[in-house]
Amino acid sequence: MKKLMVLVIAALPAAAMADVEIYGKMTGEIARNKTATATYPNNSVGQAAGPFGATTQIDSASGVNSHIGFRGNEALGNGLKAIWQLEQGIDFTNGGEGNTFATRDSFIGLASDDWGSVKLGHISTFQNSNMEYVDPWTYNANTHVNGSSIFTRTDGRVDSAIRYDSPTLLGGLNFALLYGFNEPGGGQPKQNTFNFGVSYNLGAFTAAYSYLNYQNSNAWTNPDGDIVRNGDSPALGQRFEVMYSEGPLYLAAGYQQTKGYGNNLWPGANPSFDNLTVVGQTPDSLLGKNFKTKEAELTASYSLGNFTPRLTYAYGWDVDANGAKQSDTGYKQWVVGTDYQISKRTMSYLSYGRVKYGQNVPFDSGSGDDNEYTLGVGISHSF
């Protein structure tokens, strides 16, 4: 793959290369983890086989913290231009095993300063690309406790998507509309995606809201082995965030509600909080019900020279199932750490995070009242 990329780039004419930007970030960390994703072995059906313990490992924090991308544009006249991007997360601590192209936002489209932009491809939802003010941490799947992966579990990218982004209006207003097409056929229901997001910036303040709807994505397998869907209960998510950034001070707060049905509070949810369990195994008494969650999060940091100490606290209320609160099914999370800016493009960091789940969040260990934690230290370079 590396040789192929070199040959392709070398073959490009100089004029084409002038319009191509290569960018990315490399992050390496060593972390001590006691989390489901880091330590649960998988059995033949992909579920956790037993209780988890702690491990120490070196990884590349792939994804937003380790990625490479290529992007460019071409002026078409009258203020219109063609835009494109090809971006992928990279893992360089395992010899590149499993790395593929276009794992992150990858698209082609048109843009204008007058009317905004339209993109087609594999594209982020609004909260994934324009929000997450409460989550400035560096972490990956195994070290997810060292960031807001529970609160931001609804964020992601949509396949076969079209997205429109407005130009800046009224001195600071921006909005976006996204629609993802999923036409499975063969008697399967459509599972299209709709997302609307809006933000407003006024000096040091920014406020943003996102609404996300996954059509027919919730289901559960009943005792007869039949897959049951509730078409009146799609997976929904709403989030509101505010951010204040002035000089060395940074403050952010967020509140969100999610809704699901069956045995999935949210499709593709982080294993730390997938429908009352860390591994997505819902208690039989709660299967086939409508679920609702409410969560809030606060983040604060203050830069002192090259150091930026930071603190995050998140709180999840007890889950609602068919209109009844399920006692002790919430969570509490806090993360504390600091970044150290070595240069303009190189940063090191140290962070510690812990999540405490309610007594009735049933881990596979069966103990209830379980905790996850991570202690990580790393270095990151942007290019």
Protein backbone atom coordinates (compact mmCIF):
# COMPACT_ATOMS: atom_id res chain seq x y z
CA MET A 1 0.00 0.00 0.00
CA LYS A 2 2.80 2.45 0.89
CA LYS A 3 4.62 1.80 -2.40
CA LEU A 4 1.37 2.23 -4.32
CA MET A 5 0.70 5.60 -2.66
CA VAL A 6 4.22 6.81 -3.50
CA LEU A 7 3.83 5.77 -7.13
CA VAL A 8 0.42 7.43 -7.46
CA ILE A 9 1.61 10.70 -5.93
CA ALA A 10 4.78 10.70 -8.03
CA ALA A 11 2.73 10.21 -11.19
CA LEU A 12 0.56 13.25 -10.55
CA PRO A 13 1.41 16.30 -12.69
CA ALA A 14 2.78 19.34 -10.86
CA ALA A 15 -0.40 21.34 -11.56
CA ALA A 16 -2.57 18.70 -9.92
CA MET A 17 -0.24 18.41 -6.91
CA ALA A 18 -0.53 22.15 -6.33
CA ASP A 19 -4.24 21.68 -5.58
CA VAL A 20 -3.79 18.71 -3.19
CA GLU A 21 -3.25 19.20 0.54
CA ILE A 22 -1.87 16.35 2.64
CA TYR A 23 -2.64 16.69 6.34
CA GLY A 24 -3.10 14.61 9.47
CA LYS A 25 -2.01 13.81 12.99
CA MET A 26 0.09 11.10 14.66
CA THR A 27 -0.56 10.24 18.31
CA GLY A 28 1.13 7.58 20.41
CA GLU A 29 0.31 6.77 24.01
CA ILE A 30 0.96 4.30 26.77
CA ALA A 31 -2.05 3.59 28.94
CA ARG A 32 -3.18 1.52 31.88
CA ASN A 33 -6.75 0.42 31.15
CA LYS A 34 -9.55 -1.30 32.98
CA THR A 35 -12.22 -1.01 30.30
CA ALA A 36 -14.48 -3.39 28.41
CA THR A 37 -12.99 -2.62 25.00
CA ALA A 38 -9.41 -3.02 26.21
CA THR A 39 -9.67 -6.26 28.15
CA TYR A 40 -12.80 -8.29 27.36
CA PRO A 41 -11.99 -11.38 25.24
CA ASN A 42 -14.58 -12.13 22.55
CA ASN A 43 -16.24 -15.49 22.16
CA SER A 44 -17.64 -17.03 18.96
CA VAL A 45 -20.72 -14.81 18.96
CA GLY A 46 -18.79 -11.62 19.57
CA GLN A 47 -19.86 -11.13 23.17
CA ALA A 48 -17.62 -10.79 26.18
CA ALA A 49 -16.49 -14.08 27.65
CA GLY A 50 -15.76 -13.02 31.20
CA PRO A 51 -14.89 -10.31 33.73
CA PHE A 52 -12.34 -7.76 32.70
CA GLY A 53 -9.14 -6.77 34.43
CA ALA A 54 -6.45 -4.15 33.81
CA THR A 55 -3.91 -4.07 30.98
CA THR A 56 -1.02 -1.81 30.01
CA GLN A 57 -0.48 -1.15 26.32
CA ILE A 58 0.94 1.21 23.71
CA ASP A 59 -1.38 2.34 20.95
CA SER A 60 -1.76 5.02 18.30
CA ALA A 61 -5.07 6.54 19.43
CA SER A 62 -6.29 6.02 15.86
CA GLY A 63 -9.14 8.03 14.38
CA VAL A 64 -9.37 11.70 15.21
CA ASN A 65 -6.04 11.50 17.02
CA SER A 66 -4.13 9.51 14.36
CA HIS A 67 -5.22 10.01 10.79
CA ILE A 68 -4.07 11.11 7.36
CA GLY A 69 -6.07 12.89 4.71
CA PHE A 70 -5.93 14.31 1.20
CA ARG A 71 -8.13 17.19 0.06
CA GLY A 72 -8.35 19.74 -2.68
CA ASN A 73 -10.56 22.01 -4.77
CA GLU A 74 -10.85 23.47 -8.25
CA ALA A 75 -12.26 26.90 -9.12
CA LEU A 76 -15.13 26.56 -11.61
CA GLY A 77 -15.89 30.25 -12.08
CA ASN A 78 -18.48 32.68 -10.68
CA GLY A 79 -17.42 31.84 -7.12
CA LEU A 80 -18.19 28.12 -7.52
CA LYS A 81 -15.61 25.42 -6.84
CA ALA A 82 -15.41 21.64 -6.78
CA ILE A 83 -14.28 20.18 -3.42
CA TRP A 84 -13.11 16.71 -2.43
CA GLN A 85 -11.57 14.91 0.53
CA LEU A 86 -10.28 11.41 1.30
CA GLU A 87 -9.49 10.80 4.98
CA GLN A 88 -8.77 7.72 7.05
CA GLY A 89 -7.81 6.83 10.60
CA ILE A 90 -4.47 5.05 10.96
CA ASP A 91 -3.02 2.61 13.46
CA PHE A 92 0.76 2.49 13.29
CA THR A 93 1.48 0.44 16.43
CA ASN A 94 0.36 -2.89 14.94
CA GLY A 95 2.14 -2.77 11.61
CA GLY A 96 -0.80 -1.10 9.91
CA GLU A 97 -2.98 -4.20 10.11
CA GLY A 98 -6.58 -3.35 9.29
CA ASN A 99 -5.89 0.14 7.91
CA THR A 100 -8.17 1.03 5.00
CA PHE A 101 -9.03 4.13 2.98
CA ALA A 102 -11.99 6.47 3.49
CA THR A 103 -12.75 5.42 7.08
CA ARG A 104 -13.35 9.08 8.02
CA ASP A 105 -15.05 11.95 6.17
CA SER A 106 -14.57 11.28 2.45
CA PHE A 107 -16.65 13.08 -0.16
CA ILE A 108 -16.93 15.08 -3.36
CA GLY A 109 -19.07 18.15 -3.79
CA LEU A 110 -19.56 21.78 -4.71
CA ALA A 111 -19.06 24.92 -2.62
CA SER A 112 -19.75 28.62 -2.89
CA ASP A 113 -19.27 31.54 -0.51
CA ASP A 114 -22.78 32.71 -1.44
CA TRP A 115 -24.89 29.58 -0.90
CA GLY A 116 -22.69 27.14 1.09
CA SER A 117 -21.69 23.60 0.15
CA VAL A 118 -23.16 20.24 -0.88
CA LYS A 119 -21.23 16.99 -0.30
CA LEU A 120 -21.82 13.36 -1.30
CA GLY A 121 -20.09 10.45 0.42
CA HIS A 122 -19.21 9.13 3.88
CA ILE A 123 -19.94 12.21 5.99
CA SER A 124 -20.08 13.25 9.65
CA THR A 125 -23.27 14.17 11.43
CA PHE A 126 -23.42 17.74 12.72
CA GLN A 127 -22.53 16.89 16.31
CA ASN A 128 -19.52 14.90 15.12
CA SER A 129 -18.11 17.67 12.95
CA ASN A 130 -19.38 20.90 14.50
CA MET A 131 -19.91 20.18 18.19
CA GLU A 132 -18.14 18.08 20.88
CA TYR A 133 -17.08 21.24 22.72
CA VAL A 134 -17.26 19.20 25.92
CA ASP A 135 -14.74 16.67 24.60
CA PRO A 136 -11.28 18.16 23.87
CA TRP A 137 -9.52 15.06 25.25
CA THR A 138 -7.10 12.72 23.45
CA TYR A 139 -8.05 9.02 23.66
CA ASN A 140 -9.12 5.99 21.62
CA ALA A 141 -11.50 3.04 21.92
CA ASN A 142 -9.51 1.27 24.60
CA THR A 143 -8.89 4.45 26.61
CA HIS A 144 -12.39 5.84 26.08
CA VAL A 145 -12.81 6.60 29.80
CA ASN A 146 -10.21 9.37 29.30
CA GLY A 147 -12.73 11.36 27.28
CA SER A 148 -16.42 11.89 26.60
CA SER A 149 -17.06 8.73 24.62
CA ILE A 150 -20.19 7.89 26.61
CA PHE A 151 -21.77 11.32 26.21
CA THR A 152 -20.72 11.56 22.54
CA ARG A 153 -21.55 7.93 21.62
CA THR A 154 -24.24 9.09 19.20
CA ASP A 155 -21.65 10.91 17.06
CA GLY A 156 -20.40 9.35 13.89
CA ARG A 157 -20.48 9.26 10.10
CA VAL A 158 -23.20 8.21 7.70
CA ASP A 159 -22.72 6.14 4.54
CA SER A 160 -24.35 7.11 1.24
CA ALA A 161 -25.01 10.56 2.62
CA ILE A 162 -25.74 13.98 1.19
CA ARG A 163 -25.04 17.02 3.37
CA TYR A 164 -25.74 20.71 2.89
CA ASP A 165 -23.89 23.35 4.94
CA SER A 166 -25.07 26.94 4.88
CA PRO A 167 -22.78 29.95 4.61
CA THR A 168 -22.47 32.10 7.73
CA LEU A 169 -25.68 34.09 8.16
CA LEU A 170 -26.66 37.01 10.41
CA GLY A 171 -23.10 37.47 11.57
CA GLY A 172 -22.65 34.03 13.14
CA LEU A 173 -25.44 31.57 12.26
CA ASN A 174 -24.65 28.28 10.53
CA PHE A 175 -26.82 25.23 9.90
CA ALA A 176 -26.52 21.88 8.16
CA LEU A 177 -28.86 19.19 6.82
CA LEU A 178 -27.79 15.57 6.25
CA TYR A 179 -29.66 12.63 4.77
CA GLY A 180 -28.29 9.11 4.56
CA PHE A 181 -29.81 6.61 2.13
CA ASN A 182 -30.19 2.99 3.20
CA GLU A 183 -32.34 1.01 0.76
CA PRO A 184 -31.68 -2.64 1.73
CA GLY A 185 -34.50 -4.27 -0.26
CA GLY A 186 -35.26 -7.96 0.11
CA GLY A 187 -38.17 -7.20 2.42
CA GLN A 188 -35.99 -5.38 4.92
CA PRO A 189 -37.23 -1.95 6.08
CA LYS A 190 -35.49 1.24 5.05
CA GLN A 191 -33.08 2.57 7.62
CA ASN A 192 -32.45 6.08 6.37
CA THR A 193 -30.79 8.76 8.50
CA PHE A 194 -31.78 12.38 9.01
CA ASN A 195 -29.75 15.01 10.85
CA PHE A 196 -30.28 18.72 11.41
CA GLY A 197 -27.81 20.96 13.23
CA VAL A 198 -27.52 24.66 13.91
CA SER A 199 -24.94 26.81 15.70
CA TYR A 200 -24.47 30.47 16.49
CA ASN A 201 -21.20 32.19 17.36
CA LEU A 202 -21.10 35.55 19.13
CA GLY A 203 -17.59 36.56 20.10
CA ALA A 204 -16.32 34.19 22.80
CA PHE A 205 -19.68 32.34 23.01
CA THR A 206 -20.90 29.51 20.78
CA ALA A 207 -24.17 27.59 21.12
CA ALA A 208 -25.13 24.55 19.03
CA TYR A 209 -28.04 22.10 18.71
CA SER A 210 -28.35 18.81 16.81
CA TYR A 211 -31.28 16.48 16.08
CA LEU A 212 -30.59 12.96 14.76
CA ASN A 213 -33.07 10.33 13.57
CA TYR A 214 -32.21 6.73 12.57
CA GLN A 215 -35.27 5.24 10.82
CA ASN A 216 -36.27 1.65 11.76
CA SER A 217 -32.89 0.98 13.32
CA ASN A 218 -34.21 -0.37 16.63
CA ALA A 219 -35.08 -4.05 16.93
CA TRP A 220 -34.94 -7.03 19.24
CA THR A 221 -35.18 -10.79 18.87
CA ASN A 222 -38.20 -12.15 20.73
CA PRO A 223 -38.34 -15.59 22.42
CA ASP A 224 -39.59 -17.12 19.13
CA GLY A 225 -36.46 -15.94 17.35
CA ASP A 226 -38.28 -13.30 15.30
CA ILE A 227 -36.76 -9.86 14.75
CA VAL A 228 -39.26 -7.28 15.97
CA ARG A 229 -39.10 -3.62 14.99
CA ASN A 230 -41.12 -0.68 16.23
CA GLY A 231 -41.56 1.67 13.30
CA ASP A 232 -43.10 4.29 15.59
CA SER A 233 -39.98 4.37 17.75
CA PRO A 234 -36.89 5.24 15.71
CA ALA A 235 -33.55 5.88 17.38
CA LEU A 236 -33.51 9.58 18.20
CA GLY A 237 -30.92 11.88 19.66
CA GLN A 238 -30.97 15.54 20.62
CA ARG A 239 -28.05 17.51 22.04
CA PHE A 240 -27.45 21.09 23.06
CA GLU A 241 -23.98 22.47 23.80
CA VAL A 242 -22.60 25.86 24.78
CA MET A 243 -18.96 26.95 24.81
CA TYR A 244 -17.07 29.99 26.09
CA SER A 245 -13.44 30.55 25.10
CA GLU A 246 -11.65 33.76 26.03
CA GLY A 247 -7.89 33.97 26.49
CA PRO A 248 -6.68 31.11 28.72
CA LEU A 249 -10.19 30.19 29.95
CA TYR A 250 -12.30 27.49 28.29
CA LEU A 251 -15.75 26.40 29.52
CA ALA A 252 -18.23 24.01 27.86
CA ALA A 253 -21.49 22.37 28.86
CA GLY A 254 -23.78 19.89 27.14
CA TYR A 255 -27.15 18.20 27.64
CA GLN A 256 -28.58 15.37 25.56
CA GLN A 257 -31.50 12.98 25.32
CA THR A 258 -31.57 9.71 23.39
CA LYS A 259 -34.39 7.32 22.59
CA GLY A 260 -34.31 3.70 21.42
CA TYR A 261 -36.34 0.49 21.27
CA GLY A 262 -35.77 -3.21 21.75
CA ASN A 263 -32.28 -4.05 22.93
CA ASN A 264 -30.45 -0.99 21.63
CA LEU A 265 -30.46 2.38 23.28
CA TRP A 266 -28.44 3.60 20.34
CA PRO A 267 -27.11 1.81 17.24
CA GLY A 268 -23.36 1.38 17.48
CA ALA A 269 -23.24 2.79 21.00
CA ASN A 270 -19.95 2.74 22.85
CA PRO A 271 -19.60 -0.52 24.79
CA SER A 272 -19.28 1.47 28.02
CA PHE A 273 -22.99 2.29 28.00
CA ASP A 274 -24.85 0.18 25.47
CA ASN A 275 -28.36 -0.29 26.82
CA LEU A 276 -27.53 -0.73 30.50
CA THR A 277 -24.55 -3.01 29.86
CA VAL A 278 -20.96 -2.70 28.75
CA VAL A 279 -21.35 -5.41 26.12
CA GLY A 280 -24.86 -4.80 24.83
CA GLN A 281 -26.57 -7.62 26.71
CA THR A 282 -29.94 -6.30 27.89
CA PRO A 283 -31.72 -7.99 30.85
CA ASP A 284 -34.65 -10.08 29.62
CA SER A 285 -37.07 -8.01 31.69
CA LEU A 286 -36.24 -4.92 29.64
CA LEU A 287 -36.22 -6.35 26.12
CA GLY A 288 -38.74 -5.00 23.63
CA LYS A 289 -39.32 -1.74 25.48
CA ASN A 290 -38.90 1.92 24.62
CA PHE A 291 -35.86 3.43 26.30
CA LYS A 292 -34.96 7.04 27.03
CA THR A 293 -31.79 8.52 28.50
CA LYS A 294 -30.82 11.97 29.77
CA GLU A 295 -27.24 13.08 30.33
CA ALA A 296 -25.26 16.23 31.05
CA GLU A 297 -21.57 17.11 30.94
CA LEU A 298 -19.30 19.99 31.97
CA THR A 299 -15.70 20.71 30.90
CA ALA A 300 -13.35 23.45 32.09
CA SER A 301 -9.71 24.27 31.38
CA TYR A 302 -7.30 27.15 32.02
CA SER A 303 -3.99 27.56 30.20
CA LEU A 304 -0.94 28.38 32.30
CA GLY A 305 1.92 29.01 29.90
CA ASN A 306 2.41 25.80 27.91
CA PHE A 307 0.26 23.78 30.32
CA THR A 308 -3.53 23.44 29.98
CA PRO A 309 -5.03 21.66 33.03
CA ARG A 310 -8.54 20.33 32.30
CA LEU A 311 -11.45 18.74 34.15
CA THR A 312 -14.62 17.04 32.83
CA TYR A 313 -17.63 15.73 34.76
CA ALA A 314 -20.52 13.80 33.19
CA TYR A 315 -23.73 12.52 34.74
CA GLY A 316 -26.27 10.08 33.31
CA TRP A 317 -29.69 9.89 34.95
CA ASP A 318 -31.46 6.55 35.44
CA VAL A 319 -32.79 5.04 32.21
CA ASP A 320 -36.51 5.26 31.46
CA ALA A 321 -38.12 2.06 30.05
CA ASN A 322 -41.74 2.24 28.86
CA GLY A 323 -42.27 5.32 31.00
CA ALA A 324 -40.84 3.84 34.22
CA LYS A 325 -37.52 4.78 35.74
CA GLN A 326 -35.08 1.88 36.14
CA SER A 327 -33.38 2.46 39.48
CA ASP A 328 -29.58 2.67 39.68
CA THR A 329 -29.04 2.53 35.89
CA GLY A 330 -27.19 5.83 35.51
CA TYR A 331 -23.51 6.68 35.60
CA LYS A 332 -21.03 9.26 36.84
CA GLN A 333 -17.78 10.05 35.05
CA TRP A 334 -14.89 12.41 35.65
CA VAL A 335 -11.67 13.03 33.74
CA VAL A 336 -8.72 15.11 34.93
CA GLY A 337 -5.46 15.85 33.13
CA THR A 338 -3.28 18.36 31.37
CA ASP A 339 -1.87 19.08 27.93
CA TYR A 340 1.62 20.46 27.44
CA GLN A 341 2.29 22.36 24.21
CA ILE A 342 5.86 21.49 23.19
CA SER A 343 5.67 23.45 19.94
CA LYS A 344 3.02 24.84 17.60
CA ARG A 345 2.28 21.38 16.19
CA THR A 346 3.50 18.99 18.91
CA MET A 347 1.68 18.36 22.18
CA SER A 348 2.06 15.90 25.06
CA TYR A 349 -0.67 14.97 27.51
CA LEU A 350 -1.47 13.14 30.74
CA SER A 351 -5.00 12.15 31.77
CA TYR A 352 -6.91 9.95 34.19
CA GLY A 353 -10.58 9.05 33.83
CA ARG A 354 -13.05 6.96 35.81
CA VAL A 355 -16.68 5.92 35.28
CA LYS A 356 -18.89 4.60 38.08
CA TYR A 357 -22.03 2.80 36.93
CA GLY A 358 -25.23 2.29 38.91
CA GLN A 359 -25.76 -0.90 40.86
CA ASN A 360 -28.23 -2.22 38.26
CA VAL A 361 -25.99 -1.75 35.24
CA PRO A 362 -25.29 -5.48 34.70
CA PHE A 363 -21.68 -6.05 33.73
CA ASP A 364 -20.84 -9.60 32.64
CA SER A 365 -18.89 -9.98 35.86
CA GLY A 366 -22.27 -9.92 37.57
CA SER A 367 -21.03 -7.73 40.39
CA GLY A 368 -22.93 -4.56 39.57
CA ASP A 369 -21.68 -1.19 40.76
CA ASP A 370 -18.66 -1.62 38.46
CA ASN A 371 -16.06 0.96 37.47
CA GLU A 372 -13.91 1.56 34.42
CA TYR A 373 -10.75 3.64 34.49
CA THR A 374 -7.77 4.63 32.36
CA LEU A 375 -4.48 6.38 33.03
CA GLY A 376 -2.77 7.55 29.84
CA VAL A 377 0.25 9.57 28.76
CA GLY A 378 1.08 10.39 25.15
CA ILE A 379 2.45 12.69 22.51
CA SER A 380 0.72 14.06 19.40
CA HIS A 381 2.03 15.83 16.28
CA SER A 382 -0.09 17.52 13.63
CA PHE A 383 1.05 17.99 10.03
